[in-house]
Amino acid sequence: MDSNSDQSGHSGYKELAERLFALEQRVAQLESAKNVSKAASKEEEEEEEISFKIQGSRETHYESNFGEYGLAWLGNVVLFFGITFLVEFLRISGFNILSSIFGFTAVAGIFGLAYYFRSSNPYMARIFNLNGYLLIFYVTLKLHFFTDHPLIDNKAVGLILLLTTTGSLMYLSVRKRYTLLTGLSLVMIASTAMVSDSTYLMLSLAALISIIGIVFLYRFGCIRLVFLTIFLSYLVIMLWMFNNPMMGHPLQIVSAHQYGYIYLYLVGAVFSLIAFMPINEESYSSTGIVGAIIFNGLGFVFLMALIVLSFFADSYSLSTGIIALYCIAYAIILKVHSPWRITAALYAIFGFVALTVTIYGIYHFPQAYFYLAIQSLLVVSMAIWFRSKFIVIMNSMMFLILLMIYLSTSVPGNAMNISFSLVALATARILNWKKERLTIRTELIRNFYLLTAFPMVLFTLYHLVPEQYITLSWALASVIYILLSILLKNIKYRYMALGTMIAASLFLFLVDLARIELVYRVIALLSLAIISLGLSFYYTKKLKRKAE
């Protein structure tokens, strides 16, 4: 019995030892796979290097860094110019075919050097790749462009070769995740658009660059390429607008728009898709996203202003109206679906600015002031829904500027005066009503609208009623302020009532008593006295109630 027990125990120990050994082997395999994965990931990160960064070396002396990195750049720059000068020398000497053969052979040799040094000296390999990109574009460009005796006479064939070359280079750079070389390929596409000197090809390539930028942003999350594509797209459109002076044409606005503004609309709409990017602080920051949207907006506004002033100076309302409708509708969509809260506010502001220009284009001043004041109230309403204090602040600045321009440049009109006064009072009331929704913890913005409304109400009544009733109308306005203070339980309206009574009293004694008829003086004096005494009794009763 004991013997069988010993054998059974020995067998159990043996089985346990085998399982532990198998478990150790499995853990070793997992660790090995993990190390391989880390190495692959590290290699991939090295391939994804965005720029040519100087890696830290054991020796920190400037001499070592210059010898390793500076001379690498210097050698490649000298090599590039040496090859290009030799290619041009052969071409000038009449050896067009030999010049092109030598150029493409040199390109192949440089790419061969880049491949050879890819493991032993990756920094040098990348510089060789950059050199090769520039050289192959230059040699291909010289097949037709910028030469008196082109090897390829057909311009269309030359453009096809340029586009094929740049497309192939972009494919290689994207495949290897070399962002710097991808950016260089985009610059080559923009250069091809310029040398094409054709309206529709230039603008089509500008639109293509914008699409590529958005695709790269969504695919790789590279915000720096987006900034580059925004710059290049609008640069190409601007070159077209100024008659493409890079190709030797006189610097002037093109004689006909040829519906080129449609491409500008397309580019702006494509770049507006930046606002739908998911939040990913590891790849890009909110500052980058917002900065790209603002950069796109500035470029679009600048070029659109050029187009409007050049071709639609007398009929721009339709164009700006389309922009306003798109931006406001897009802001609403972003409010519902975009993770970036500020983007909806930015497009709403763009939209309302465009709407302001549209209203001016339809009605002109001074009639436009009436509708622009009403628009201010619409902006505040949308800001409440957006929960955007930013929109409220911007709208306040625009309202103040608009009011100052109106008062300083236009003849006062009753409709405009009433609209500014009522909008200021209504805006202050709405902001106070929805202050928690807007998270406004300061009284500054609401005080701004009340301080604006106070003189505007006096100014409106001064121009609205006959001169003999001005004092009486101001006194009645103070009564209305007191009633509002009681109903809304807001002390600020009592301050406005007191200020209005003081203004009515000063106006009565300094102006009215010297110019209006006796009967109206009596009416004004008695009315002001009754209202003043009534307000005095109100304050006395209120103070007693507080004391009790």
Protein backbone atom coordinates (compact mmCIF):
# COMPACT_ATOMS: atom_id res chain seq x y z
CA MET A 1 0.00 0.00 0.00
CA ASP A 2 2.85 2.42 0.91
CA SER A 3 4.76 1.45 -2.21
CA ASN A 4 1.80 2.28 -4.41
CA SER A 5 1.41 5.59 -2.59
CA ASP A 6 5.08 6.49 -3.15
CA GLN A 7 4.81 5.64 -6.83
CA SER A 8 1.67 7.73 -7.17
CA GLY A 9 3.31 10.72 -5.44
CA HIS A 10 6.42 10.42 -7.58
CA SER A 11 4.27 10.34 -10.72
CA GLY A 12 2.38 13.48 -9.56
CA TYR A 13 5.62 15.37 -8.91
CA LYS A 14 6.91 14.37 -12.32
CA GLU A 15 3.75 15.57 -14.05
CA LEU A 16 3.87 18.88 -12.16
CA ALA A 17 7.52 19.42 -13.14
CA GLU A 18 6.69 18.79 -16.81
CA ARG A 19 3.87 21.33 -16.69
CA LEU A 20 6.10 23.93 -15.05
CA PHE A 21 8.76 23.34 -17.69
CA ALA A 22 6.16 23.74 -20.48
CA LEU A 23 4.91 26.93 -18.83
CA GLU A 24 8.44 28.37 -18.66
CA GLN A 25 8.94 27.61 -22.35
CA ARG A 26 5.64 29.33 -23.18
CA VAL A 27 6.61 32.44 -21.17
CA ALA A 28 10.00 32.51 -22.89
CA GLN A 29 8.29 32.38 -26.30
CA LEU A 30 5.95 35.21 -25.36
CA GLU A 31 8.83 37.37 -24.13
CA SER A 32 10.75 36.65 -27.32
CA ALA A 33 7.75 37.62 -29.44
CA LYS A 34 7.31 40.77 -27.37
CA ASN A 35 10.94 41.77 -27.90
CA VAL A 36 10.62 41.16 -31.63
CA SER A 37 7.44 43.27 -31.66
CA LYS A 38 9.23 46.05 -29.81
CA ALA A 39 12.12 45.93 -32.24
CA ALA A 40 9.73 46.03 -35.20
CA SER A 41 7.82 48.87 -33.61
CA LYS A 42 11.06 50.74 -33.01
CA GLU A 43 12.11 50.19 -36.62
CA GLU A 44 8.70 51.39 -37.81
CA GLU A 45 8.96 54.50 -35.65
CA GLU A 46 12.33 55.19 -37.19
CA GLU A 47 10.78 54.88 -40.64
CA GLU A 48 8.00 57.23 -39.57
CA GLU A 49 10.54 59.89 -38.65
CA ILE A 50 8.99 63.14 -39.82
CA SER A 51 12.10 65.25 -40.10
CA PHE A 52 15.83 64.87 -40.28
CA LYS A 53 16.60 65.12 -36.59
CA ILE A 54 20.17 65.01 -35.38
CA GLN A 55 20.40 62.12 -32.97
CA GLY A 56 22.36 62.46 -29.79
CA SER A 57 25.93 61.19 -30.05
CA ARG A 58 28.45 60.15 -27.49
CA GLU A 59 30.55 63.18 -28.27
CA THR A 60 28.73 66.44 -27.66
CA HIS A 61 31.29 68.63 -29.44
CA TYR A 62 30.03 70.87 -32.24
CA GLU A 63 32.85 69.57 -34.39
CA SER A 64 31.51 66.03 -34.24
CA ASN A 65 27.95 67.08 -35.05
CA PHE A 66 29.06 69.22 -37.97
CA GLY A 67 31.34 66.50 -39.26
CA GLU A 68 28.62 63.86 -39.12
CA TYR A 69 25.51 65.83 -40.09
CA GLY A 70 26.58 69.19 -41.47
CA LEU A 71 29.01 67.75 -43.99
CA ALA A 72 26.36 65.22 -45.06
CA TRP A 73 24.02 68.06 -45.96
CA LEU A 74 26.81 70.12 -47.54
CA GLY A 75 27.96 67.22 -49.68
CA ASN A 76 24.46 66.51 -50.94
CA VAL A 77 23.77 70.18 -51.72
CA VAL A 78 27.03 70.42 -53.70
CA LEU A 79 26.24 67.12 -55.42
CA PHE A 80 22.75 68.35 -56.41
CA PHE A 81 24.03 71.57 -57.96
CA GLY A 82 26.94 69.78 -59.60
CA ILE A 83 24.60 67.32 -61.34
CA THR A 84 22.09 70.00 -62.36
CA PHE A 85 24.83 72.24 -63.80
CA LEU A 86 26.28 69.33 -65.74
CA VAL A 87 22.82 68.39 -67.06
CA GLU A 88 22.26 71.98 -68.17
CA PHE A 89 25.73 72.19 -69.71
CA LEU A 90 25.08 69.11 -71.85
CA ARG A 91 21.71 70.52 -72.87
CA ILE A 92 23.18 73.89 -73.87
CA SER A 93 25.89 72.09 -75.82
CA GLY A 94 23.22 70.43 -77.95
CA PHE A 95 23.30 66.98 -76.33
CA ASN A 96 19.66 66.93 -75.25
CA ILE A 97 19.27 63.16 -75.22
CA LEU A 98 22.61 62.62 -73.47
CA SER A 99 21.72 65.30 -70.93
CA SER A 100 18.48 63.55 -69.98
CA ILE A 101 20.14 60.11 -69.93
CA PHE A 102 22.87 61.39 -67.67
CA GLY A 103 20.34 63.08 -65.38
CA PHE A 104 18.20 59.97 -64.93
CA THR A 105 21.31 57.82 -64.49
CA ALA A 106 22.53 60.16 -61.75
CA VAL A 107 19.12 59.92 -60.08
CA ALA A 108 19.29 56.13 -60.17
CA GLY A 109 22.76 56.24 -58.66
CA ILE A 110 21.65 58.51 -55.81
CA PHE A 111 18.67 56.30 -55.01
CA GLY A 112 21.06 53.34 -55.11
CA LEU A 113 23.29 55.04 -52.54
CA ALA A 114 20.25 55.70 -50.36
CA TYR A 115 19.33 52.04 -50.50
CA TYR A 116 22.91 50.98 -49.76
CA PHE A 117 23.19 53.18 -46.65
CA ARG A 118 19.66 52.45 -45.34
CA SER A 119 21.00 50.25 -42.50
CA SER A 120 24.51 51.48 -41.81
CA ASN A 121 23.79 55.21 -42.06
CA PRO A 122 20.01 55.91 -42.15
CA TYR A 123 20.49 59.66 -41.74
CA MET A 124 22.65 59.84 -44.85
CA ALA A 125 20.21 57.57 -46.68
CA ARG A 126 17.36 59.98 -46.07
CA ILE A 127 19.36 62.93 -47.35
CA PHE A 128 20.17 60.94 -50.48
CA ASN A 129 16.47 60.22 -50.90
CA LEU A 130 15.69 63.92 -50.61
CA ASN A 131 18.39 64.69 -53.17
CA GLY A 132 16.98 62.05 -55.50
CA TYR A 133 13.45 63.45 -55.23
CA LEU A 134 14.64 66.92 -56.19
CA LEU A 135 16.83 65.71 -59.03
CA ILE A 136 14.26 63.47 -60.69
CA PHE A 137 11.71 66.28 -60.63
CA TYR A 138 14.25 68.71 -62.09
CA VAL A 139 15.36 66.36 -64.87
CA THR A 140 11.75 65.48 -65.76
CA LEU A 141 10.79 69.16 -65.74
CA LYS A 142 13.57 70.01 -68.18
CA LEU A 143 12.25 67.51 -70.72
CA HIS A 144 9.80 70.17 -71.89
CA PHE A 145 9.72 73.24 -69.64
CA PHE A 146 12.21 76.10 -69.26
CA THR A 147 14.33 75.12 -72.24
CA ASP A 148 14.65 76.52 -75.77
CA HIS A 149 14.96 73.13 -77.42
CA PRO A 150 12.84 70.67 -75.42
CA LEU A 151 13.38 66.97 -75.87
CA ILE A 152 9.58 66.51 -75.64
CA ASP A 153 7.72 69.08 -77.72
CA ASN A 154 4.22 68.17 -76.56
CA LYS A 155 3.28 70.09 -73.39
CA ALA A 156 0.61 67.59 -72.40
CA VAL A 157 3.14 64.74 -72.46
CA GLY A 158 5.53 66.78 -70.35
CA LEU A 159 2.79 67.44 -67.77
CA ILE A 160 1.80 63.77 -67.70
CA LEU A 161 5.41 62.80 -67.02
CA LEU A 162 5.66 65.37 -64.22
CA LEU A 163 2.43 64.20 -62.60
CA THR A 164 3.43 60.55 -62.96
CA THR A 165 6.81 61.25 -61.38
CA THR A 166 5.41 63.19 -58.45
CA GLY A 167 2.65 60.64 -57.94
CA SER A 168 5.19 57.78 -57.84
CA LEU A 169 7.43 59.69 -55.42
CA MET A 170 4.46 60.40 -53.16
CA TYR A 171 3.48 56.74 -53.18
CA LEU A 172 6.99 55.73 -52.13
CA SER A 173 7.23 58.35 -49.40
CA VAL A 174 3.80 57.46 -47.97
CA ARG A 175 4.62 53.77 -48.10
CA LYS A 176 7.81 54.38 -46.13
CA ARG A 177 6.04 56.96 -43.92
CA TYR A 178 8.59 59.66 -44.74
CA THR A 179 6.49 62.72 -44.02
CA LEU A 180 9.13 65.20 -45.10
CA LEU A 181 9.42 63.58 -48.52
CA THR A 182 5.63 63.42 -48.75
CA GLY A 183 5.54 67.14 -48.15
CA LEU A 184 8.18 67.61 -50.84
CA SER A 185 5.99 65.62 -53.25
CA LEU A 186 3.10 67.96 -52.48
CA VAL A 187 5.33 70.93 -53.27
CA MET A 188 6.16 69.24 -56.60
CA ILE A 189 2.44 68.90 -57.39
CA ALA A 190 1.97 72.60 -56.67
CA SER A 191 4.97 73.39 -58.89
CA THR A 192 3.48 71.25 -61.67
CA ALA A 193 0.26 73.23 -61.35
CA MET A 194 2.22 76.44 -61.74
CA VAL A 195 4.19 75.34 -64.84
CA SER A 196 1.02 73.98 -66.46
CA ASP A 197 -0.14 77.61 -66.83
CA SER A 198 -3.69 76.38 -67.40
CA THR A 199 -6.62 77.68 -65.38
CA TYR A 200 -8.50 74.43 -64.92
CA LEU A 201 -5.43 72.23 -64.39
CA MET A 202 -3.98 74.66 -61.85
CA LEU A 203 -7.22 74.86 -59.89
CA SER A 204 -7.88 71.12 -60.19
CA LEU A 205 -4.44 70.36 -58.75
CA ALA A 206 -5.10 72.87 -55.94
CA ALA A 207 -8.29 70.95 -55.11
CA LEU A 208 -6.35 67.65 -55.35
CA ILE A 209 -3.77 68.92 -52.87
CA SER A 210 -6.55 69.81 -50.42
CA ILE A 211 -8.07 66.33 -50.74
CA ILE A 212 -4.67 64.70 -50.20
CA GLY A 213 -4.15 66.80 -47.07
CA ILE A 214 -7.46 65.70 -45.55
CA VAL A 215 -6.86 62.05 -46.47
CA PHE A 216 -3.43 62.15 -44.81
CA LEU A 217 -4.91 63.78 -41.72
CA TYR A 218 -7.58 61.11 -41.32
CA ARG A 219 -5.24 58.27 -42.26
CA PHE A 220 -2.06 59.23 -40.39
CA GLY A 221 -3.10 62.11 -38.12
CA CYS A 222 -0.34 64.38 -39.44
CA ILE A 223 -1.50 67.93 -38.76
CA ARG A 224 1.68 69.51 -40.14
CA LEU A 225 0.96 68.18 -43.61
CA VAL A 226 -2.49 69.76 -43.40
CA PHE A 227 -0.96 73.19 -42.77
CA LEU A 228 1.32 72.63 -45.77
CA THR A 229 -1.56 71.58 -48.05
CA ILE A 230 -3.66 74.58 -46.96
CA PHE A 231 -0.77 76.88 -47.84
CA LEU A 232 -0.07 75.19 -51.17
CA SER A 233 -3.72 75.01 -52.27
CA TYR A 234 -4.38 78.68 -51.64
CA LEU A 235 -0.98 79.64 -53.07
CA VAL A 236 -1.83 77.95 -56.38
CA ILE A 237 -5.23 79.70 -56.47
CA MET A 238 -3.59 83.03 -55.67
CA LEU A 239 -1.03 82.54 -58.45
CA TRP A 240 -3.92 81.91 -60.84
CA MET A 241 -5.68 85.04 -59.58
CA PHE A 242 -2.57 87.15 -60.25
CA ASN A 243 -2.13 85.82 -63.80
CA ASN A 244 0.58 83.31 -62.83
CA PRO A 245 3.56 85.71 -62.84
CA MET A 246 5.94 82.79 -62.16
CA MET A 247 5.58 81.87 -65.85
CA GLY A 248 6.53 85.32 -67.08
CA HIS A 249 3.08 86.89 -67.32
CA PRO A 250 2.51 90.47 -66.08
CA LEU A 251 1.50 90.73 -62.44
CA GLN A 252 -2.21 91.58 -62.61
CA ILE A 253 -5.62 90.15 -61.85
CA VAL A 254 -6.80 87.68 -64.49
CA SER A 255 -9.09 89.25 -67.06
CA ALA A 256 -11.90 86.68 -66.58
CA HIS A 257 -12.77 84.49 -63.60
CA GLN A 258 -13.74 81.46 -65.77
CA TYR A 259 -15.73 80.18 -62.78
CA GLY A 260 -12.50 79.61 -60.89
CA TYR A 261 -14.20 80.66 -57.65
CA ILE A 262 -16.01 77.29 -57.68
CA TYR A 263 -12.66 75.61 -57.01
CA LEU A 264 -12.10 78.02 -54.13
CA TYR A 265 -15.44 76.97 -52.65
CA LEU A 266 -14.40 73.32 -53.08
CA VAL A 267 -11.02 73.78 -51.40
CA GLY A 268 -12.56 75.63 -48.46
CA ALA A 269 -15.24 72.96 -48.05
CA VAL A 270 -12.69 70.13 -48.17
CA PHE A 271 -10.51 71.70 -45.49
CA SER A 272 -13.58 72.31 -43.33
CA LEU A 273 -13.65 68.53 -42.77
CA ILE A 274 -10.77 69.06 -40.33
CA ALA A 275 -13.40 69.85 -37.71
CA PHE A 276 -14.66 66.25 -37.73
CA MET A 277 -11.34 64.74 -36.67
CA PRO A 278 -11.70 62.59 -33.53
CA ILE A 279 -9.93 63.76 -30.40
CA ASN A 280 -6.47 62.21 -30.22
CA GLU A 281 -4.03 64.28 -28.19
CA GLU A 282 -1.21 61.80 -28.91
CA SER A 283 -1.18 62.53 -32.65
CA TYR A 284 -2.32 66.16 -32.69
CA SER A 285 -3.49 68.75 -30.22
CA SER A 286 -6.65 70.81 -30.11
CA THR A 287 -4.46 73.85 -30.82
CA GLY A 288 -3.36 72.26 -34.08
CA ILE A 289 -6.93 71.50 -35.17
CA VAL A 290 -8.22 74.97 -34.28
CA GLY A 291 -5.15 76.59 -35.84
CA ALA A 292 -5.69 74.69 -39.10
CA ILE A 293 -9.35 75.76 -39.21
CA ILE A 294 -8.40 79.41 -38.64
CA PHE A 295 -5.60 79.18 -41.22
CA ASN A 296 -8.06 77.76 -43.74
CA GLY A 297 -10.57 80.49 -42.93
CA LEU A 298 -8.02 83.28 -43.37
CA GLY A 299 -6.83 81.91 -46.70
CA PHE A 300 -10.38 81.46 -47.97
CA VAL A 301 -11.51 84.92 -46.85
CA PHE A 302 -8.49 86.62 -48.42
CA LEU A 303 -8.92 84.97 -51.81
CA MET A 304 -12.70 85.31 -51.75
CA ALA A 305 -12.31 89.02 -51.07
CA LEU A 306 -9.99 89.29 -54.08
CA ILE A 307 -12.51 87.51 -56.30
CA VAL A 308 -15.42 89.61 -55.07
CA LEU A 309 -13.58 92.91 -55.49
CA SER A 310 -12.28 91.88 -58.92
CA PHE A 311 -15.37 90.34 -60.51
CA PHE A 312 -18.45 90.82 -58.30
CA ALA A 313 -18.07 94.28 -56.79
CA ASP A 314 -21.70 95.11 -57.64
CA SER A 315 -23.29 91.69 -57.20
CA TYR A 316 -21.61 89.82 -54.37
CA SER A 317 -24.69 89.18 -52.21
CA LEU A 318 -25.33 85.75 -53.73
CA SER A 319 -21.73 84.57 -53.18
CA THR A 320 -21.51 85.78 -49.59
CA GLY A 321 -25.03 84.52 -48.91
CA ILE A 322 -24.00 81.01 -50.00
CA ILE A 323 -20.95 81.21 -47.72
CA ALA A 324 -23.09 82.41 -44.80
CA LEU A 325 -25.66 79.66 -45.31
CA TYR A 326 -22.97 76.98 -45.58
CA CYS A 327 -21.04 78.15 -42.51
CA ILE A 328 -24.10 78.50 -40.26
CA ALA A 329 -25.54 75.15 -41.37
CA TYR A 330 -22.13 73.52 -40.96
CA ALA A 331 -21.77 75.07 -37.49
CA ILE A 332 -25.07 73.45 -36.47
CA ILE A 333 -23.84 70.08 -37.79
CA LEU A 334 -20.55 70.47 -35.91
CA LYS A 335 -22.43 71.36 -32.74
CA VAL A 336 -24.22 68.02 -32.91
CA HIS A 337 -21.48 65.74 -34.24
CA SER A 338 -18.00 67.28 -33.84
CA PRO A 339 -15.94 66.46 -30.72
CA TRP A 340 -14.23 69.88 -30.92
CA ARG A 341 -16.52 72.38 -29.22
CA ILE A 342 -14.74 75.51 -30.43
CA THR A 343 -14.99 74.56 -34.12
CA ALA A 344 -18.76 75.08 -34.23
CA ALA A 345 -18.31 78.54 -32.73
CA LEU A 346 -15.64 79.44 -35.30
CA TYR A 347 -17.81 78.47 -38.25
CA ALA A 348 -20.80 80.25 -36.73
CA ILE A 349 -18.76 83.45 -36.48
CA PHE A 350 -17.53 83.03 -40.09
CA GLY A 351 -21.14 82.54 -41.15
CA PHE A 352 -22.47 85.59 -39.35
CA VAL A 353 -19.67 87.78 -40.71
CA ALA A 354 -20.61 86.61 -44.22
CA LEU A 355 -24.26 87.28 -43.39
CA THR A 356 -23.33 90.81 -42.34
CA VAL A 357 -21.68 91.42 -45.70
CA THR A 358 -24.72 89.91 -47.45
CA ILE A 359 -27.15 92.18 -45.60
CA TYR A 360 -25.05 95.20 -46.49
CA GLY A 361 -24.94 94.11 -50.13
CA ILE A 362 -28.74 93.86 -50.28
CA TYR A 363 -29.86 96.92 -48.28
CA HIS A 364 -26.77 99.16 -47.94
CA PHE A 365 -26.41 101.74 -45.20
CA PRO A 366 -28.25 103.18 -43.36
CA GLN A 367 -31.13 100.71 -43.91
CA ALA A 368 -28.80 97.77 -43.28
CA TYR A 369 -28.21 98.89 -39.67
CA PHE A 370 -31.75 97.85 -38.75
CA TYR A 371 -31.25 94.26 -39.94
CA LEU A 372 -27.71 94.04 -38.59
CA ALA A 373 -28.96 94.96 -35.12
CA ILE A 374 -31.60 92.24 -35.35
CA GLN A 375 -28.91 89.82 -36.52
CA SER A 376 -26.99 90.52 -33.32
CA LEU A 377 -29.92 89.13 -31.34
CA LEU A 378 -29.94 86.03 -33.57
CA VAL A 379 -26.24 85.51 -32.90
CA VAL A 380 -26.79 85.63 -29.13
CA SER A 381 -29.62 83.12 -29.43
CA MET A 382 -27.36 80.72 -31.31
CA ALA A 383 -24.56 81.30 -28.79
CA ILE A 384 -26.91 80.20 -26.01
CA TRP A 385 -27.69 76.98 -27.86
CA PHE A 386 -23.99 76.45 -28.58
CA ARG A 387 -23.10 77.26 -24.94
CA SER A 388 -20.39 79.50 -26.39
CA LYS A 389 -19.21 82.51 -24.43
CA PHE A 390 -16.72 83.09 -27.25
CA ILE A 391 -19.53 83.89 -29.71
CA VAL A 392 -21.15 86.24 -27.20
CA ILE A 393 -17.92 88.18 -26.71
CA MET A 394 -17.26 88.44 -30.45
CA ASN A 395 -20.85 89.51 -31.07
CA SER A 396 -20.56 92.19 -28.37
CA MET A 397 -17.49 93.63 -30.05
CA MET A 398 -19.19 93.62 -33.46
CA PHE A 399 -22.34 95.22 -31.98
CA LEU A 400 -20.30 98.01 -30.42
CA ILE A 401 -18.32 98.67 -33.61
CA LEU A 402 -21.51 98.68 -35.66
CA LEU A 403 -23.21 101.11 -33.27
CA MET A 404 -20.20 103.46 -33.26
CA ILE A 405 -20.08 103.48 -37.07
CA TYR A 406 -23.81 104.17 -37.22
CA LEU A 407 -23.71 107.07 -34.76
CA SER A 408 -20.65 108.66 -36.36
CA THR A 409 -21.46 108.30 -40.06
CA SER A 410 -25.23 108.10 -40.57
CA VAL A 411 -28.20 110.39 -40.13
CA PRO A 412 -30.23 108.99 -37.20
CA GLY A 413 -33.34 107.07 -38.21
CA ASN A 414 -36.15 106.01 -35.90
CA ALA A 415 -36.20 102.40 -37.08
CA MET A 416 -32.44 101.99 -36.58
CA ASN A 417 -32.49 103.75 -33.20
CA ILE A 418 -35.34 101.56 -31.94
CA SER A 419 -33.68 98.38 -33.19
CA PHE A 420 -30.36 99.14 -31.46
CA SER A 421 -32.11 100.07 -28.20
CA LEU A 422 -34.42 97.06 -28.08
CA VAL A 423 -31.71 94.63 -29.14
CA ALA A 424 -29.37 95.88 -26.40
CA LEU A 425 -32.10 95.53 -23.73
CA ALA A 426 -33.27 92.15 -25.04
CA THR A 427 -29.73 90.78 -25.25
CA ALA A 428 -28.97 91.76 -21.65
CA ARG A 429 -32.20 90.10 -20.53
CA ILE A 430 -31.50 86.89 -22.48
CA LEU A 431 -27.95 86.69 -21.15
CA ASN A 432 -29.21 87.08 -17.59
CA TRP A 433 -31.95 84.52 -18.20
CA LYS A 434 -29.55 81.90 -19.61
CA LYS A 435 -26.38 82.79 -17.72
CA GLU A 436 -25.96 79.27 -16.34
CA ARG A 437 -26.21 77.75 -19.81
CA LEU A 438 -23.48 80.06 -21.05
CA THR A 439 -21.43 79.57 -17.85
CA ILE A 440 -20.97 83.35 -17.64
CA ARG A 441 -19.92 84.09 -14.07
CA THR A 442 -19.22 87.77 -14.64
CA GLU A 443 -21.62 90.65 -15.03
CA LEU A 444 -19.32 92.41 -17.49
CA ILE A 445 -21.03 91.32 -20.71
CA ARG A 446 -24.56 91.96 -19.45
CA ASN A 447 -23.49 95.34 -18.03
CA PHE A 448 -22.05 96.20 -21.43
CA TYR A 449 -25.43 95.77 -23.11
CA LEU A 450 -27.27 97.66 -20.37
CA LEU A 451 -24.78 100.52 -20.53
CA THR A 452 -25.24 100.56 -24.29
CA ALA A 453 -29.04 100.50 -23.98
CA PHE A 454 -29.18 103.37 -21.46
CA PRO A 455 -27.95 106.20 -23.75
CA MET A 456 -29.52 104.61 -26.83
CA VAL A 457 -33.00 104.72 -25.27
CA LEU A 458 -32.54 108.42 -24.48
CA PHE A 459 -31.16 109.02 -27.97
CA THR A 460 -34.07 107.12 -29.57
CA LEU A 461 -36.74 109.03 -27.64
CA TYR A 462 -34.98 112.32 -28.37
CA HIS A 463 -35.40 111.75 -32.11
CA LEU A 464 -38.70 109.85 -31.95
CA VAL A 465 -41.04 112.17 -30.00
CA PRO A 466 -41.75 115.87 -30.60
CA GLU A 467 -39.31 118.16 -28.83
CA GLN A 468 -41.90 119.40 -26.31
CA TYR A 469 -42.41 115.84 -25.04
CA ILE A 470 -38.77 114.73 -24.71
CA THR A 471 -38.57 115.32 -20.97
CA LEU A 472 -41.90 113.61 -20.43
CA SER A 473 -40.85 110.58 -22.52
CA TRP A 474 -37.62 110.22 -20.56
CA ALA A 475 -39.53 110.40 -17.28
CA LEU A 476 -41.93 107.69 -18.48
CA ALA A 477 -38.93 105.57 -19.49
CA SER A 478 -37.71 105.74 -15.89
CA VAL A 479 -41.11 104.48 -14.72
CA ILE A 480 -40.83 101.54 -17.12
CA TYR A 481 -37.36 100.76 -15.75
CA ILE A 482 -38.77 100.71 -12.20
CA LEU A 483 -41.56 98.34 -13.25
CA LEU A 484 -39.01 96.07 -14.93
CA SER A 485 -36.93 96.13 -11.77
CA ILE A 486 -39.94 95.03 -9.71
CA LEU A 487 -41.06 92.35 -12.15
CA LEU A 488 -37.61 90.92 -12.85
CA LYS A 489 -36.21 91.59 -9.36
CA ASN A 490 -33.12 93.17 -10.87
CA ILE A 491 -31.50 96.18 -9.21
CA LYS A 492 -29.79 97.31 -12.42
CA TYR A 493 -33.03 98.56 -13.90
CA ARG A 494 -33.48 100.79 -10.81
CA TYR A 495 -30.05 102.27 -11.48
CA MET A 496 -31.13 102.96 -15.06
CA ALA A 497 -34.35 104.56 -13.79
CA LEU A 498 -32.41 106.90 -11.50
CA GLY A 499 -30.00 107.77 -14.29
CA THR A 500 -32.88 108.50 -16.66
CA MET A 501 -34.57 110.77 -14.09
CA ILE A 502 -31.35 112.70 -13.61
CA ALA A 503 -30.98 113.08 -17.39
CA ALA A 504 -34.63 114.23 -17.69
CA SER A 505 -34.15 116.81 -14.96
CA LEU A 506 -30.98 118.22 -16.47
CA PHE A 507 -32.57 118.36 -19.92
CA LEU A 508 -35.64 120.10 -18.53
CA PHE A 509 -33.75 122.89 -16.77
CA LEU A 510 -30.94 123.34 -19.28
CA VAL A 511 -32.89 122.99 -22.54
CA ASP A 512 -36.67 122.74 -22.30
CA LEU A 513 -37.34 125.75 -20.06
CA ALA A 514 -35.59 127.96 -22.57
CA ARG A 515 -37.23 126.78 -25.79
CA ILE A 516 -40.68 125.17 -25.37
CA GLU A 517 -43.98 126.97 -24.87
CA LEU A 518 -45.31 127.73 -21.39
CA VAL A 519 -48.05 125.09 -21.41
CA TYR A 520 -45.53 122.34 -22.26
CA ARG A 521 -43.19 123.65 -19.58
CA VAL A 522 -45.98 123.22 -17.02
CA ILE A 523 -46.76 119.71 -18.27
CA ALA A 524 -43.10 118.75 -18.17
CA LEU A 525 -42.52 120.20 -14.70
CA LEU A 526 -45.63 118.61 -13.18
CA SER A 527 -44.99 115.26 -14.83
CA LEU A 528 -41.41 115.18 -13.67
CA ALA A 529 -42.43 116.25 -10.18
CA ILE A 530 -45.13 113.55 -9.89
CA ILE A 531 -42.83 110.82 -11.14
CA SER A 532 -39.98 111.98 -8.89
CA LEU A 533 -42.23 112.03 -5.82
CA GLY A 534 -43.66 108.65 -6.73
CA LEU A 535 -40.18 107.16 -7.01
CA SER A 536 -39.25 108.78 -3.72
CA PHE A 537 -42.24 107.17 -1.96
CA TYR A 538 -41.30 103.83 -3.55
CA TYR A 539 -37.75 104.00 -2.21
CA THR A 540 -38.97 105.15 1.24
CA LYS A 541 -41.37 102.24 1.47
CA LYS A 542 -38.71 99.82 0.23
CA LEU A 543 -36.19 101.01 2.81
CA LYS A 544 -38.73 100.68 5.65
CA ARG A 545 -39.56 97.17 4.53
CA LYS A 546 -35.87 96.26 4.60
CA ALA A 547 -35.47 97.81 8.05
CA GLU A 548 -38.38 95.77 9.39
